[in-house]
Amino acid sequence: RAKLKRWFWCSAFAGAYENAPNTVTEQDVVAL
């Protein structure tokens, strides 16, 4: 759970989902 929350905040403040969100989702699911 702590890892998921860390990913959430890092992704949020890195703006990771602002561009090509579907592609990012596909990549993040595998990486997470």
Full PDB file with SEQRES, HELIX, SHEET, SSBOND, CRYST1, ORIGX, SCALE, CONECT and MASTER records, all heavy atoms in Angstrom:
SEQRES   1 A   32  ARG ALA LYS LEU LYS ARG TRP PHE TRP CYS SER ALA PHE          
SEQRES   2 A   32  ALA GLY ALA TYR GLU ASN ALA PRO ASN THR VAL THR GLU          
SEQRES   3 A   32  GLN ASP VAL VAL ALA LEU                                      
HELIX    1 AA1 ALA A    2  ALA A   14  1                                  13    
HELIX    2 AA2 PRO A   21  ALA A   31  1                                  11    
CRYST1    1.000    1.000    1.000  90.00  90.00  90.00 P 1           1          
ORIGX1      1.000000  0.000000  0.000000        0.00000                         
ORIGX2      0.000000  1.000000  0.000000        0.00000                         
ORIGX3      0.000000  0.000000  1.000000        0.00000                         
SCALE1      1.000000  0.000000  0.000000        0.00000                         
SCALE2      0.000000  1.000000  0.000000        0.00000                         
SCALE3      0.000000  0.000000  1.000000        0.00000                         
ATOM      1  N   ARG A   1       0.837  -1.198   0.000  1.00  0.00           N  
ATOM      2  CA  ARG A   1       0.000   0.000   0.000  1.00  0.00           C  
ATOM      3  C   ARG A   1       0.875   1.252   0.000  1.00  0.00           C  
ATOM      4  O   ARG A   1       0.587   2.237  -0.679  1.00  0.00           O  
ATOM      5  CB  ARG A   1      -0.920   0.013   1.220  1.00  0.00           C  
ATOM      6  CG  ARG A   1      -2.081  -0.951   1.140  1.00  0.00           C  
ATOM      7  CD  ARG A   1      -2.847  -0.986   2.449  1.00  0.00           C  
ATOM      8  NE  ARG A   1      -3.536   0.272   2.684  1.00  0.00           N  
ATOM      9  CZ  ARG A   1      -4.754   0.538   2.228  1.00  0.00           C  
ATOM     10  NH1 ARG A   1      -5.398  -0.359   1.498  1.00  0.00           N  
ATOM     11  NH2 ARG A   1      -5.337   1.698   2.489  1.00  0.00           N  
ATOM     12  N   ALA A   2       1.944   1.224   0.781  1.00  0.00           N  
ATOM     13  CA  ALA A   2       2.868   2.359   0.829  1.00  0.00           C  
ATOM     14  C   ALA A   2       3.502   2.595  -0.540  1.00  0.00           C  
ATOM     15  O   ALA A   2       3.691   3.746  -0.957  1.00  0.00           O  
ATOM     16  CB  ALA A   2       3.939   2.124   1.883  1.00  0.00           C  
ATOM     17  N   LYS A   3       3.823   1.536  -1.243  1.00  0.00           N  
ATOM     18  CA  LYS A   3       4.386   1.677  -2.585  1.00  0.00           C  
ATOM     19  C   LYS A   3       3.373   2.324  -3.533  1.00  0.00           C  
ATOM     20  O   LYS A   3       3.730   3.197  -4.337  1.00  0.00           O  
ATOM     21  CB  LYS A   3       4.796   0.306  -3.125  1.00  0.00           C  
ATOM     22  CG  LYS A   3       6.090  -0.249  -2.557  1.00  0.00           C  
ATOM     23  CD  LYS A   3       6.455  -1.566  -3.231  1.00  0.00           C  
ATOM     24  CE  LYS A   3       7.816  -2.063  -2.779  1.00  0.00           C  
ATOM     25  NZ  LYS A   3       8.183  -3.340  -3.450  1.00  0.00           N  
ATOM     26  N   LEU A   4       2.117   1.885  -3.434  1.00  0.00           N  
ATOM     27  CA  LEU A   4       1.088   2.464  -4.299  1.00  0.00           C  
ATOM     28  C   LEU A   4       0.920   3.954  -4.040  1.00  0.00           C  
ATOM     29  O   LEU A   4       0.781   4.751  -4.972  1.00  0.00           O  
ATOM     30  CB  LEU A   4      -0.246   1.755  -4.086  1.00  0.00           C  
ATOM     31  CG  LEU A   4      -0.523   0.498  -4.909  1.00  0.00           C  
ATOM     32  CD1 LEU A   4      -1.952   0.032  -4.683  1.00  0.00           C  
ATOM     33  CD2 LEU A   4      -0.278   0.740  -6.393  1.00  0.00           C  
ATOM     34  N   LYS A   5       0.926   4.336  -2.775  1.00  0.00           N  
ATOM     35  CA  LYS A   5       0.782   5.759  -2.442  1.00  0.00           C  
ATOM     36  C   LYS A   5       1.992   6.547  -2.926  1.00  0.00           C  
ATOM     37  O   LYS A   5       1.844   7.683  -3.400  1.00  0.00           O  
ATOM     38  CB  LYS A   5       0.594   5.920  -0.930  1.00  0.00           C  
ATOM     39  CG  LYS A   5      -0.778   5.475  -0.434  1.00  0.00           C  
ATOM     40  CD  LYS A   5      -0.980   5.767   1.032  1.00  0.00           C  
ATOM     41  CE  LYS A   5      -0.190   4.818   1.913  1.00  0.00           C  
ATOM     42  NZ  LYS A   5      -0.483   5.037   3.353  1.00  0.00           N  
ATOM     43  N   ARG A   6       3.159   5.971  -2.805  1.00  0.00           N  
ATOM     44  CA  ARG A   6       4.359   6.659  -3.300  1.00  0.00           C  
ATOM     45  C   ARG A   6       4.274   6.842  -4.801  1.00  0.00           C  
ATOM     46  O   ARG A   6       4.583   7.917  -5.322  1.00  0.00           O  
ATOM     47  CB  ARG A   6       5.612   5.848  -2.930  1.00  0.00           C  
ATOM     48  CG  ARG A   6       6.906   6.560  -3.280  1.00  0.00           C  
ATOM     49  CD  ARG A   6       8.103   5.747  -2.844  1.00  0.00           C  
ATOM     50  NE  ARG A   6       9.351   6.385  -3.230  1.00  0.00           N  
ATOM     51  CZ  ARG A   6      10.540   5.815  -3.114  1.00  0.00           C  
ATOM     52  NH1 ARG A   6      10.641   4.605  -2.590  1.00  0.00           N  
ATOM     53  NH2 ARG A   6      11.618   6.458  -3.508  1.00  0.00           N  
ATOM     54  N   TRP A   7       3.847   5.808  -5.518  1.00  0.00           N  
ATOM     55  CA  TRP A   7       3.667   5.928  -6.971  1.00  0.00           C  
ATOM     56  C   TRP A   7       2.647   7.019  -7.292  1.00  0.00           C  
ATOM     57  O   TRP A   7       2.858   7.824  -8.209  1.00  0.00           O  
ATOM     58  CB  TRP A   7       3.189   4.595  -7.557  1.00  0.00           C  
ATOM     59  CG  TRP A   7       2.609   4.760  -8.930  1.00  0.00           C  
ATOM     60  CD1 TRP A   7       3.289   4.839 -10.113  1.00  0.00           C  
ATOM     61  CD2 TRP A   7       1.218   4.927  -9.250  1.00  0.00           C  
ATOM     62  NE1 TRP A   7       2.409   5.050 -11.148  1.00  0.00           N  
ATOM     63  CE2 TRP A   7       1.142   5.101 -10.651  1.00  0.00           C  
ATOM     64  CE3 TRP A   7       0.043   4.936  -8.495  1.00  0.00           C  
ATOM     65  CZ2 TRP A   7      -0.076   5.281 -11.302  1.00  0.00           C  
ATOM     66  CZ3 TRP A   7      -1.166   5.125  -9.138  1.00  0.00           C  
ATOM     67  CH2 TRP A   7      -1.215   5.289 -10.540  1.00  0.00           C  
ATOM     68  N   PHE A   8       1.543   7.055  -6.533  1.00  0.00           N  
ATOM     69  CA  PHE A   8       0.504   8.039  -6.798  1.00  0.00           C  
ATOM     70  C   PHE A   8       1.049   9.459  -6.702  1.00  0.00           C  
ATOM     71  O   PHE A   8       0.838  10.277  -7.608  1.00  0.00           O  
ATOM     72  CB  PHE A   8      -0.658   7.857  -5.807  1.00  0.00           C  
ATOM     73  CG  PHE A   8      -1.646   8.986  -5.847  1.00  0.00           C  
ATOM     74  CD1 PHE A   8      -2.537   9.111  -6.894  1.00  0.00           C  
ATOM     75  CD2 PHE A   8      -1.672   9.948  -4.843  1.00  0.00           C  
ATOM     76  CE1 PHE A   8      -3.447  10.167  -6.942  1.00  0.00           C  
ATOM     77  CE2 PHE A   8      -2.573  11.005  -4.877  1.00  0.00           C  
ATOM     78  CZ  PHE A   8      -3.465  11.117  -5.933  1.00  0.00           C  
ATOM     79  N   TRP A   9       1.743   9.780  -5.605  1.00  0.00           N  
ATOM     80  CA  TRP A   9       2.242  11.145  -5.430  1.00  0.00           C  
ATOM     81  C   TRP A   9       3.338  11.486  -6.431  1.00  0.00           C  
ATOM     82  O   TRP A   9       3.367  12.602  -6.965  1.00  0.00           O  
ATOM     83  CB  TRP A   9       2.747  11.351  -4.000  1.00  0.00           C  
ATOM     84  CG  TRP A   9       1.656  11.354  -2.986  1.00  0.00           C  
ATOM     85  CD1 TRP A   9       1.450  10.461  -1.977  1.00  0.00           C  
ATOM     86  CD2 TRP A   9       0.572  12.298  -2.893  1.00  0.00           C  
ATOM     87  NE1 TRP A   9       0.318  10.782  -1.264  1.00  0.00           N  
ATOM     88  CE2 TRP A   9      -0.236  11.903  -1.794  1.00  0.00           C  
ATOM     89  CE3 TRP A   9       0.222  13.423  -3.615  1.00  0.00           C  
ATOM     90  CZ2 TRP A   9      -1.379  12.607  -1.418  1.00  0.00           C  
ATOM     91  CZ3 TRP A   9      -0.921  14.130  -3.243  1.00  0.00           C  
ATOM     92  CH2 TRP A   9      -1.702  13.724  -2.163  1.00  0.00           C  
ATOM     93  N   CYS A  10       4.219  10.545  -6.710  1.00  0.00           N  
ATOM     94  CA  CYS A  10       5.275  10.807  -7.700  1.00  0.00           C  
ATOM     95  C   CYS A  10       4.661  11.062  -9.072  1.00  0.00           C  
ATOM     96  O   CYS A  10       5.046  12.005  -9.774  1.00  0.00           O  
ATOM     97  CB  CYS A  10       6.252   9.623  -7.772  1.00  0.00           C  
ATOM     98  SG  CYS A  10       7.331   9.445  -6.335  1.00  0.00           S  
ATOM     99  N   SER A  11       3.701  10.236  -9.462  1.00  0.00           N  
ATOM    100  CA  SER A  11       3.056  10.407 -10.769  1.00  0.00           C  
ATOM    101  C   SER A  11       2.282  11.710 -10.840  1.00  0.00           C  
ATOM    102  O   SER A  11       2.303  12.412 -11.858  1.00  0.00           O  
ATOM    103  CB  SER A  11       2.107   9.226 -11.047  1.00  0.00           C  
ATOM    104  OG  SER A  11       2.824   8.019 -11.138  1.00  0.00           O  
ATOM    105  N   ALA A  12       1.595  12.053  -9.729  1.00  0.00           N  
ATOM    106  CA  ALA A  12       0.793  13.272  -9.702  1.00  0.00           C  
ATOM    107  C   ALA A  12       1.659  14.508  -9.876  1.00  0.00           C  
ATOM    108  O   ALA A  12       1.344  15.400 -10.671  1.00  0.00           O  
ATOM    109  CB  ALA A  12       0.008  13.345  -8.396  1.00  0.00           C  
ATOM    110  N   PHE A  13       2.766  14.578  -9.123  1.00  0.00           N  
ATOM    111  CA  PHE A  13       3.595  15.785  -9.170  1.00  0.00           C  
ATOM    112  C   PHE A  13       4.619  15.775 -10.305  1.00  0.00           C  
ATOM    113  O   PHE A  13       5.234  16.796 -10.582  1.00  0.00           O  
ATOM    114  CB  PHE A  13       4.271  16.004  -7.816  1.00  0.00           C  
ATOM    115  CG  PHE A  13       3.328  16.551  -6.785  1.00  0.00           C  
ATOM    116  CD1 PHE A  13       2.800  15.735  -5.796  1.00  0.00           C  
ATOM    117  CD2 PHE A  13       2.929  17.868  -6.823  1.00  0.00           C  
ATOM    118  CE1 PHE A  13       1.902  16.226  -4.863  1.00  0.00           C  
ATOM    119  CE2 PHE A  13       2.034  18.378  -5.899  1.00  0.00           C  
ATOM    120  CZ  PHE A  13       1.508  17.557  -4.915  1.00  0.00           C  
ATOM    121  N   ALA A  14       4.751  14.643 -10.964  1.00  0.00           N  
ATOM    122  CA  ALA A  14       5.583  14.599 -12.164  1.00  0.00           C  
ATOM    123  C   ALA A  14       4.743  14.907 -13.403  1.00  0.00           C  
ATOM    124  O   ALA A  14       5.278  15.058 -14.496  1.00  0.00           O  
ATOM    125  CB  ALA A  14       6.242  13.225 -12.310  1.00  0.00           C  
ATOM    126  N   GLY A  15       3.412  14.990 -13.215  1.00  0.00           N  
ATOM    127  CA  GLY A  15       2.531  15.236 -14.353  1.00  0.00           C  
ATOM    128  C   GLY A  15       2.539  14.101 -15.346  1.00  0.00           C  
ATOM    129  O   GLY A  15       2.363  14.300 -16.552  1.00  0.00           O  
ATOM    130  N   ALA A  16       2.722  12.882 -14.841  1.00  0.00           N  
ATOM    131  CA  ALA A  16       2.927  11.732 -15.715  1.00  0.00           C  
ATOM    132  C   ALA A  16       1.727  11.416 -16.595  1.00  0.00           C  
ATOM    133  O   ALA A  16       1.876  10.869 -17.689  1.00  0.00           O  
ATOM    134  CB  ALA A  16       3.284  10.504 -14.869  1.00  0.00           C  
ATOM    135  N   TYR A  17       0.524  11.758 -16.137  1.00  0.00           N  
ATOM    136  CA  TYR A  17      -0.680  11.382 -16.874  1.00  0.00           C  
ATOM    137  C   TYR A  17      -1.298  12.534 -17.663  1.00  0.00           C  
ATOM    138  O   TYR A  17      -2.421  12.417 -18.151  1.00  0.00           O  
ATOM    139  CB  TYR A  17      -1.710  10.795 -15.902  1.00  0.00           C  
ATOM    140  CG  TYR A  17      -1.423   9.354 -15.556  1.00  0.00           C  
ATOM    141  CD1 TYR A  17      -0.370   9.028 -14.703  1.00  0.00           C  
ATOM    142  CD2 TYR A  17      -2.175   8.315 -16.085  1.00  0.00           C  
ATOM    143  CE1 TYR A  17      -0.081   7.714 -14.395  1.00  0.00           C  
ATOM    144  CE2 TYR A  17      -1.901   7.001 -15.788  1.00  0.00           C  
ATOM    145  CZ  TYR A  17      -0.848   6.697 -14.940  1.00  0.00           C  
ATOM    146  OH  TYR A  17      -0.546   5.375 -14.643  1.00  0.00           O  
ATOM    147  N   GLU A  18      -0.567  13.611 -17.813  1.00  0.00           N  
ATOM    148  CA  GLU A  18      -1.109  14.753 -18.540  1.00  0.00           C  
ATOM    149  C   GLU A  18      -1.022  14.574 -20.051  1.00  0.00           C  
ATOM    150  O   GLU A  18      -1.760  15.197 -20.801  1.00  0.00           O  
ATOM    151  CB  GLU A  18      -0.391  16.032 -18.112  1.00  0.00           C  
ATOM    152  CG  GLU A  18      -0.697  16.452 -16.690  1.00  0.00           C  
ATOM    153  CD  GLU A  18      -0.221  17.854 -16.384  1.00  0.00           C  
ATOM    154  OE1 GLU A  18      -0.977  18.808 -16.639  1.00  0.00           O  
ATOM    155  OE2 GLU A  18       0.910  17.988 -15.899  1.00  0.00           O  
ATOM    156  N   ASN A  19      -0.108  13.728 -20.508  1.00  0.00           N  
ATOM    157  CA  ASN A  19       0.047  13.473 -21.939  1.00  0.00           C  
ATOM    158  C   ASN A  19       0.011  11.968 -22.198  1.00  0.00           C  
ATOM    159  O   ASN A  19       0.607  11.190 -21.460  1.00  0.00           O  
ATOM    160  CB  ASN A  19       1.379  14.042 -22.453  1.00  0.00           C  
ATOM    161  CG  ASN A  19       1.468  15.548 -22.287  1.00  0.00           C  
ATOM    162  OD1 ASN A  19       0.655  16.285 -22.829  1.00  0.00           O  
ATOM    163  ND2 ASN A  19       2.446  16.009 -21.519  1.00  0.00           N  
ATOM    164  N   ALA A  20      -0.717  11.582 -23.250  1.00  0.00           N  
ATOM    165  CA  ALA A  20      -0.858  10.175 -23.636  1.00  0.00           C  
ATOM    166  C   ALA A  20      -1.171   9.284 -22.438  1.00  0.00           C  
ATOM    167  O   ALA A  20      -0.474   8.310 -22.164  1.00  0.00           O  
ATOM    168  CB  ALA A  20       0.425   9.699 -24.326  1.00  0.00           C  
ATOM    169  N   PRO A  21      -2.243   9.601 -21.678  1.00  0.00           N  
ATOM    170  CA  PRO A  21      -2.533   8.868 -20.459  1.00  0.00           C  
ATOM    171  C   PRO A  21      -2.788   7.382 -20.657  1.00  0.00           C  
ATOM    172  O   PRO A  21      -2.448   6.570 -19.793  1.00  0.00           O  
ATOM    173  CB  PRO A  21      -3.771   9.574 -19.903  1.00  0.00           C  
ATOM    174  CG  PRO A  21      -4.398  10.242 -21.086  1.00  0.00           C  
ATOM    175  CD  PRO A  21      -3.253  10.648 -21.949  1.00  0.00           C  
ATOM    176  N   ASN A  22      -3.386   6.996 -21.787  1.00  0.00           N  
ATOM    177  CA  ASN A  22      -3.649   5.579 -22.015  1.00  0.00           C  
ATOM    178  C   ASN A  22      -2.360   4.788 -22.175  1.00  0.00           C  
ATOM    179  O   ASN A  22      -2.235   3.672 -21.661  1.00  0.00           O  
ATOM    180  CB  ASN A  22      -4.534   5.397 -23.256  1.00  0.00           C  
ATOM    181  CG  ASN A  22      -5.939   5.926 -23.043  1.00  0.00           C  
ATOM    182  OD1 ASN A  22      -6.446   5.934 -21.924  1.00  0.00           O  
ATOM    183  ND2 ASN A  22      -6.578   6.375 -24.112  1.00  0.00           N  
ATOM    184  N   THR A  23      -1.399   5.388 -22.865  1.00  0.00           N  
ATOM    185  CA  THR A  23      -0.098   4.741 -23.027  1.00  0.00           C  
ATOM    186  C   THR A  23       0.616   4.638 -21.684  1.00  0.00           C  
ATOM    187  O   THR A  23       1.213   3.611 -21.350  1.00  0.00           O  
ATOM    188  CB  THR A  23       0.774   5.532 -24.019  1.00  0.00           C  
ATOM    189  OG1 THR A  23       0.125   5.578 -25.285  1.00  0.00           O  
ATOM    190  CG2 THR A  23       2.137   4.882 -24.175  1.00  0.00           C  
ATOM    191  N   VAL A  24       0.544   5.717 -20.895  1.00  0.00           N  
ATOM    192  CA  VAL A  24       1.181   5.709 -19.575  1.00  0.00           C  
ATOM    193  C   VAL A  24       0.552   4.641 -18.689  1.00  0.00           C  
ATOM    194  O   VAL A  24       1.241   3.926 -17.959  1.00  0.00           O  
ATOM    195  CB  VAL A  24       1.067   7.096 -18.909  1.00  0.00           C  
ATOM    196  CG1 VAL A  24       1.645   7.065 -17.490  1.00  0.00           C  
ATOM    197  CG2 VAL A  24       1.802   8.144 -19.736  1.00  0.00           C  
ATOM    198  N   THR A  25      -0.779   4.521 -18.735  1.00  0.00           N  
ATOM    199  CA  THR A  25      -1.467   3.497 -17.955  1.00  0.00           C  
ATOM    200  C   THR A  25      -0.979   2.108 -18.321  1.00  0.00           C  
ATOM    201  O   THR A  25      -0.668   1.279 -17.451  1.00  0.00           O  
ATOM    202  CB  THR A  25      -2.997   3.575 -18.186  1.00  0.00           C  
ATOM    203  OG1 THR A  25      -3.486   4.806 -17.668  1.00  0.00           O  
ATOM    204  CG2 THR A  25      -3.709   2.423 -17.498  1.00  0.00           C  
ATOM    205  N   GLU A  26      -0.893   1.844 -19.603  1.00  0.00           N  
ATOM    206  CA  GLU A  26      -0.438   0.528 -20.072  1.00  0.00           C  
ATOM    207  C   GLU A  26       0.968   0.217 -19.561  1.00  0.00           C  
ATOM    208  O   GLU A  26       1.246  -0.894 -19.107  1.00  0.00           O  
ATOM    209  CB  GLU A  26      -0.472   0.498 -21.600  1.00  0.00           C  
ATOM    210  CG  GLU A  26      -0.137  -0.858 -22.188  1.00  0.00           C  
ATOM    211  CD  GLU A  26      -0.256  -0.874 -23.703  1.00  0.00           C  
ATOM    212  OE1 GLU A  26      -0.657   0.161 -24.281  1.00  0.00           O  
ATOM    213  OE2 GLU A  26       0.056  -1.909 -24.311  1.00  0.00           O  
ATOM    214  N   GLN A  27       1.847   1.200 -19.606  1.00  0.00           N  
ATOM    215  CA  GLN A  27       3.220   0.992 -19.144  1.00  0.00           C  
ATOM    216  C   GLN A  27       3.298   0.884 -17.628  1.00  0.00           C  
ATOM    217  O   GLN A  27       4.038   0.048 -17.088  1.00  0.00           O  
ATOM    218  CB  GLN A  27       4.096   2.153 -19.635  1.00  0.00           C  
ATOM    219  CG  GLN A  27       4.234   2.231 -21.144  1.00  0.00           C  
ATOM    220  CD  GLN A  27       4.917   3.498 -21.615  1.00  0.00           C  
ATOM    221  OE1 GLN A  27       5.068   4.474 -20.855  1.00  0.00           O  
ATOM    222  NE2 GLN A  27       5.335   3.528 -22.867  1.00  0.00           N  
ATOM    223  N   ASP A  28       2.512   1.717 -16.931  1.00  0.00           N  
ATOM    224  CA  ASP A  28       2.567   1.734 -15.474  1.00  0.00           C  
ATOM    225  C   ASP A  28       2.013   0.456 -14.852  1.00  0.00           C  
ATOM    226  O   ASP A  28       2.495   0.017 -13.801  1.00  0.00           O  
ATOM    227  CB  ASP A  28       1.800   2.941 -14.929  1.00  0.00           C  
ATOM    228  CG  ASP A  28       2.679   4.168 -14.776  1.00  0.00           C  
ATOM    229  OD1 ASP A  28       3.852   4.105 -15.175  1.00  0.00           O  
ATOM    230  OD2 ASP A  28       2.192   5.190 -14.250  1.00  0.00           O  
ATOM    231  N   VAL A  29       0.988  -0.117 -15.449  1.00  0.00           N  
ATOM    232  CA  VAL A  29       0.431  -1.358 -14.906  1.00  0.00           C  
ATOM    233  C   VAL A  29       1.501  -2.445 -14.863  1.00  0.00           C  
ATOM    234  O   VAL A  29       1.666  -3.142 -13.855  1.00  0.00           O  
ATOM    235  CB  VAL A  29      -0.786  -1.820 -15.734  1.00  0.00           C  
ATOM    236  CG1 VAL A  29      -1.177  -3.247 -15.361  1.00  0.00           C  
ATOM    237  CG2 VAL A  29      -1.966  -0.886 -15.517  1.00  0.00           C  
ATOM    238  N   VAL A  30       2.252  -2.568 -15.932  1.00  0.00           N  
ATOM    239  CA  VAL A  30       3.329  -3.570 -15.985  1.00  0.00           C  
ATOM    240  C   VAL A  30       4.412  -3.245 -14.966  1.00  0.00           C  
ATOM    241  O   VAL A  30       4.858  -4.119 -14.201  1.00  0.00           O  
ATOM    242  CB  VAL A  30       3.929  -3.632 -17.405  1.00  0.00           C  
ATOM    243  CG1 VAL A  30       5.138  -4.577 -17.425  1.00  0.00           C  
ATOM    244  CG2 VAL A  30       2.883  -4.079 -18.411  1.00  0.00           C  
ATOM    245  N   ALA A  31       4.844  -1.966 -14.926  1.00  0.00           N  
ATOM    246  CA  ALA A  31       5.932  -1.562 -14.038  1.00  0.00           C  
ATOM    247  C   ALA A  31       5.520  -1.679 -12.568  1.00  0.00           C  
ATOM    248  O   ALA A  31       6.312  -2.100 -11.715  1.00  0.00           O  
ATOM    249  CB  ALA A  31       6.361  -0.132 -14.355  1.00  0.00           C  
ATOM    250  N   LEU A  32       4.279  -1.292 -12.252  1.00  0.00           N  
ATOM    251  CA  LEU A  32       3.809  -1.346 -10.867  1.00  0.00           C  
ATOM    252  C   LEU A  32       3.658  -2.779 -10.383  1.00  0.00           C  
ATOM    253  O   LEU A  32       4.012  -3.102  -9.241  1.00  0.00           O  
ATOM    254  CB  LEU A  32       2.476  -0.612 -10.732  1.00  0.00           C  
ATOM    255  CG  LEU A  32       2.549   0.869 -10.362  1.00  0.00           C  
ATOM    256  CD1 LEU A  32       1.150   1.478 -10.385  1.00  0.00           C  
ATOM    257  CD2 LEU A  32       3.171   1.064  -8.999  1.00  0.00           C  
TER     258      LEU A  32                                                      
MASTER        0    0    0    2    0    0    0    6  257    1    0    3          
END                                                                             
